[in-house]
Protein backbone atom coordinates (compact mmCIF):
# COMPACT_ATOMS: atom_id res chain seq x y z
CA UNK A 1 0.00 0.00 0.00
CA UNK A 2 2.95 2.36 0.47
CA UNK A 3 3.68 2.08 -3.24
CA UNK A 4 0.24 3.41 -4.14
CA UNK A 5 0.30 6.25 -1.62
CA UNK A 6 3.71 7.91 -1.31
CA UNK A 7 4.43 9.47 2.07
CA UNK A 8 3.35 13.08 2.33
CA UNK A 9 6.05 15.69 2.55
CA UNK A 10 6.51 17.35 5.91
CA UNK A 11 4.92 20.78 6.02
CA UNK A 12 7.37 23.67 5.81
CA UNK A 13 6.88 25.70 8.97
CA UNK A 14 8.04 28.89 7.26
CA UNK A 15 5.72 28.45 4.28
CA UNK A 16 2.53 30.45 4.02
CA UNK A 17 -0.47 28.43 5.13
CA UNK A 18 -2.98 27.48 2.47
CA UNK A 19 -6.07 29.70 2.60
CA UNK A 20 -8.34 26.65 2.20
CA UNK A 21 -8.82 24.53 5.34
CA UNK A 22 -7.76 20.89 4.82
CA UNK A 23 -11.28 19.50 5.30
CA UNK A 24 -12.64 21.84 2.61
CA UNK A 25 -9.81 20.88 0.24
CA UNK A 26 -10.65 17.20 0.75
CA UNK A 27 -14.34 17.91 0.04
CA UNK A 28 -13.42 19.73 -3.17
CA UNK A 29 -11.18 16.89 -4.31
CA UNK A 30 -13.91 14.33 -3.57
CA UNK A 31 -16.48 16.40 -5.46
CA UNK A 32 -14.16 16.66 -8.49
CA UNK A 33 -13.59 12.90 -8.49
CA UNK A 34 -17.28 12.09 -8.12
CA UNK A 35 -18.49 14.76 -10.56
CA UNK A 36 -18.42 12.61 -13.73
CA UNK A 37 -20.49 9.92 -12.02
CA UNK A 38 -22.91 11.96 -9.92
CA UNK A 39 -24.83 15.06 -11.11
CA UNK A 40 -25.28 16.31 -7.53
CA UNK A 41 -21.51 16.15 -6.99
CA UNK A 42 -21.00 18.03 -10.27
CA UNK A 43 -23.16 20.87 -8.97
CA UNK A 44 -21.30 20.89 -5.69
CA UNK A 45 -17.92 20.97 -7.50
CA UNK A 46 -19.08 23.91 -9.64
CA UNK A 47 -20.23 25.86 -6.58
CA UNK A 48 -16.93 25.21 -4.81
CA UNK A 49 -14.89 26.19 -7.87
CA UNK A 50 -16.85 29.39 -8.38
CA UNK A 51 -16.19 30.44 -4.77
CA UNK A 52 -12.42 30.37 -5.40
CA UNK A 53 -11.22 33.36 -7.43
CA UNK A 54 -9.27 32.58 -10.56
CA UNK A 55 -5.64 33.54 -11.04
CA UNK A 56 -6.64 36.46 -13.26
CA UNK A 57 -9.14 37.71 -10.68
CA UNK A 58 -6.53 37.51 -7.91
CA UNK A 59 -3.93 39.37 -10.01
CA UNK A 60 -6.46 42.06 -11.01
CA UNK A 61 -7.27 42.57 -7.34
CA UNK A 62 -3.63 43.43 -6.56
CA UNK A 63 -3.81 46.52 -8.76
CA UNK A 64 -0.34 45.91 -10.19
CA UNK A 65 0.19 46.59 -13.90
CA UNK A 66 0.57 43.67 -16.27
CA UNK A 67 4.11 43.05 -17.48
CA UNK A 68 4.64 44.07 -21.12
CA UNK A 69 6.58 40.82 -21.68
CA UNK A 70 8.70 40.71 -24.85
CA UNK A 71 7.46 44.02 -26.26
CA UNK A 72 9.96 46.08 -24.23
CA UNK A 73 13.05 43.93 -24.65
CA UNK A 74 15.64 44.31 -27.39
CA UNK A 75 16.66 40.83 -28.48
CA UNK A 76 20.41 40.23 -28.81
CA UNK A 77 21.77 39.45 -32.25
CA UNK A 78 22.26 35.77 -31.31
CA UNK A 79 18.59 35.38 -30.42
CA UNK A 80 17.44 37.11 -33.61
CA UNK A 81 19.78 34.91 -35.64
CA UNK A 82 18.47 31.76 -33.96
CA UNK A 83 14.86 32.79 -34.52
CA UNK A 84 15.62 33.62 -38.15
CA UNK A 85 17.20 30.20 -38.73
CA UNK A 86 14.02 28.56 -37.44
CA UNK A 87 11.74 30.81 -39.51
CA UNK A 88 13.74 30.24 -42.69
CA UNK A 89 13.57 26.49 -42.06
CA UNK A 90 9.78 26.68 -41.83
CA UNK A 91 9.58 28.84 -44.96
CA UNK A 92 11.77 26.41 -46.90
CA UNK A 93 9.64 23.51 -45.73
CA UNK A 94 6.44 25.31 -46.77
CA UNK A 95 7.92 26.24 -50.16
CA UNK A 96 9.11 22.71 -50.84
CA UNK A 97 5.73 21.32 -49.83
CA UNK A 98 4.01 23.81 -52.16
CA UNK A 99 6.22 22.87 -55.10
CA UNK A 100 5.70 19.18 -54.40
CA UNK A 101 1.94 19.74 -54.15
CA UNK A 102 1.83 21.56 -57.49
CA UNK A 103 3.90 18.81 -59.07
CA UNK A 104 1.72 16.10 -57.56
CA UNK A 105 -1.56 17.70 -58.60
CA UNK A 106 -0.61 19.13 -61.99
CA UNK A 107 2.49 17.26 -63.03
CA UNK A 108 6.14 18.32 -63.21
CA UNK A 109 5.51 20.37 -66.34
CA UNK A 110 3.34 22.74 -64.32
CA UNK A 111 6.22 23.53 -61.97
CA UNK A 112 8.72 24.16 -64.76
CA UNK A 113 6.25 26.33 -66.70
CA UNK A 114 5.42 28.32 -63.56
CA UNK A 115 9.11 28.86 -62.83
CA UNK A 116 9.73 29.91 -66.43
CA UNK A 117 6.79 32.33 -66.30
CA UNK A 118 8.16 33.89 -63.10
CA UNK A 119 11.71 34.00 -64.50
CA UNK A 120 10.50 35.96 -67.54
CA UNK A 121 8.65 38.55 -65.42
CA UNK A 122 10.06 41.87 -64.23
CA UNK A 123 9.88 40.61 -60.64
CA UNK A 124 12.40 37.83 -61.33
CA UNK A 125 15.33 39.34 -59.35
CA UNK A 126 13.12 39.97 -56.32
CA UNK A 127 11.62 36.48 -56.53
CA UNK A 128 15.07 34.90 -56.89
CA UNK A 129 16.30 36.84 -53.86
CA UNK A 130 13.23 35.80 -51.84
CA UNK A 131 14.04 32.15 -52.56
CA UNK A 132 17.83 32.42 -52.29
CA UNK A 133 18.04 34.35 -49.01
CA UNK A 134 16.17 31.85 -46.76
CA UNK A 135 18.07 28.97 -48.36
CA UNK A 136 21.50 30.59 -47.95
CA UNK A 137 20.72 31.93 -44.48
CA UNK A 138 19.48 28.57 -43.24
CA UNK A 139 22.58 26.89 -44.68
CA UNK A 140 24.95 29.43 -43.07
CA UNK A 141 23.13 29.17 -39.74
CA UNK A 142 23.33 25.38 -39.87
CA UNK A 143 27.04 25.59 -40.71
CA UNK A 144 27.63 27.86 -37.71
CA UNK A 145 25.72 25.46 -35.44
CA UNK A 146 27.76 22.54 -36.78
CA UNK A 147 30.96 24.37 -35.81
CA UNK A 148 29.51 25.07 -32.37
CA UNK A 149 28.48 21.45 -31.92
CA UNK A 150 31.63 19.75 -33.18
CA UNK A 151 34.45 22.18 -32.41
CA UNK A 152 33.01 23.90 -29.30
CA UNK A 153 34.16 27.28 -30.65
CA UNK A 154 32.54 30.69 -30.53
CA UNK A 155 30.51 30.63 -27.34
CA UNK A 156 31.46 34.03 -25.92
CA UNK A 157 28.84 36.75 -26.16
CA UNK A 158 30.93 38.84 -28.53
CA UNK A 159 31.71 35.88 -30.80
CA UNK A 160 28.04 34.90 -30.99
CA UNK A 161 27.10 38.51 -31.80
CA UNK A 162 29.78 38.83 -34.48
CA UNK A 163 28.99 35.46 -36.03
CA UNK A 164 25.29 36.43 -36.14
CA UNK A 165 26.15 39.61 -38.05
CA UNK A 166 28.43 37.58 -40.32
CA UNK A 167 25.64 35.10 -41.11
CA UNK A 168 23.26 37.96 -41.94
CA UNK A 169 25.86 39.73 -44.11
CA UNK A 170 27.14 36.65 -45.96
CA UNK A 171 23.61 35.44 -46.63
CA UNK A 172 22.55 38.80 -48.02
CA UNK A 173 25.65 39.13 -50.22
CA UNK A 174 25.38 35.58 -51.62
CA UNK A 175 21.64 35.97 -52.19
CA UNK A 176 22.11 39.26 -54.05
CA UNK A 177 24.75 37.57 -56.21
CA UNK A 178 22.43 34.63 -56.89
CA UNK A 179 19.54 36.98 -57.74
CA UNK A 180 21.67 38.87 -60.26
CA UNK A 181 22.64 35.72 -62.17
CA UNK A 182 20.35 34.70 -65.01
CA UNK A 183 20.45 31.23 -66.45
CA UNK A 184 19.65 30.77 -70.14
CA UNK A 185 15.99 30.05 -70.74
CA UNK A 186 15.00 26.53 -71.63
CA UNK A 187 14.11 26.30 -75.31
CA UNK A 188 11.08 24.31 -76.30
CA UNK A 189 11.63 21.30 -78.54
CA UNK A 190 9.74 21.29 -81.83
């Protein structure tokens, strides 16, 4: 029987006493356990729960302002870089899934004709950059993480900050270079 009921912890004498008397807490627990089986117990459990103020009600009663959370903090470059690696990974996954879905539903010719249509438009450099930058950034971020994991280098705050700026800069430069390159268009066979 000791295996089913672990010994209770001794009460901390310095801890604040619970505002609910023990007998009332036991009644509430019994009502919650019996509630699914007994409608009268369900009503009793609801009455007991409604008499206890919620966390939000207790915090509103203190009159203290709500913390603004992340809206007032400036993220360090390492955090922004880490978040960006995750976001680019999700974007690449969504893009790959979209291309695979188009290919699955319409055939591979639909993908190549769509790409050719976009490559011939005036928005081609912007579209190429919007594909190249997440790919290059995610690759550079993964390369940096591989160095961190295998070589245990670059863990000081300044090194993380500088490597984050380097990943942003290298990714932007390589993506601009990739967006400026135009491959010859595929000629149709007659």
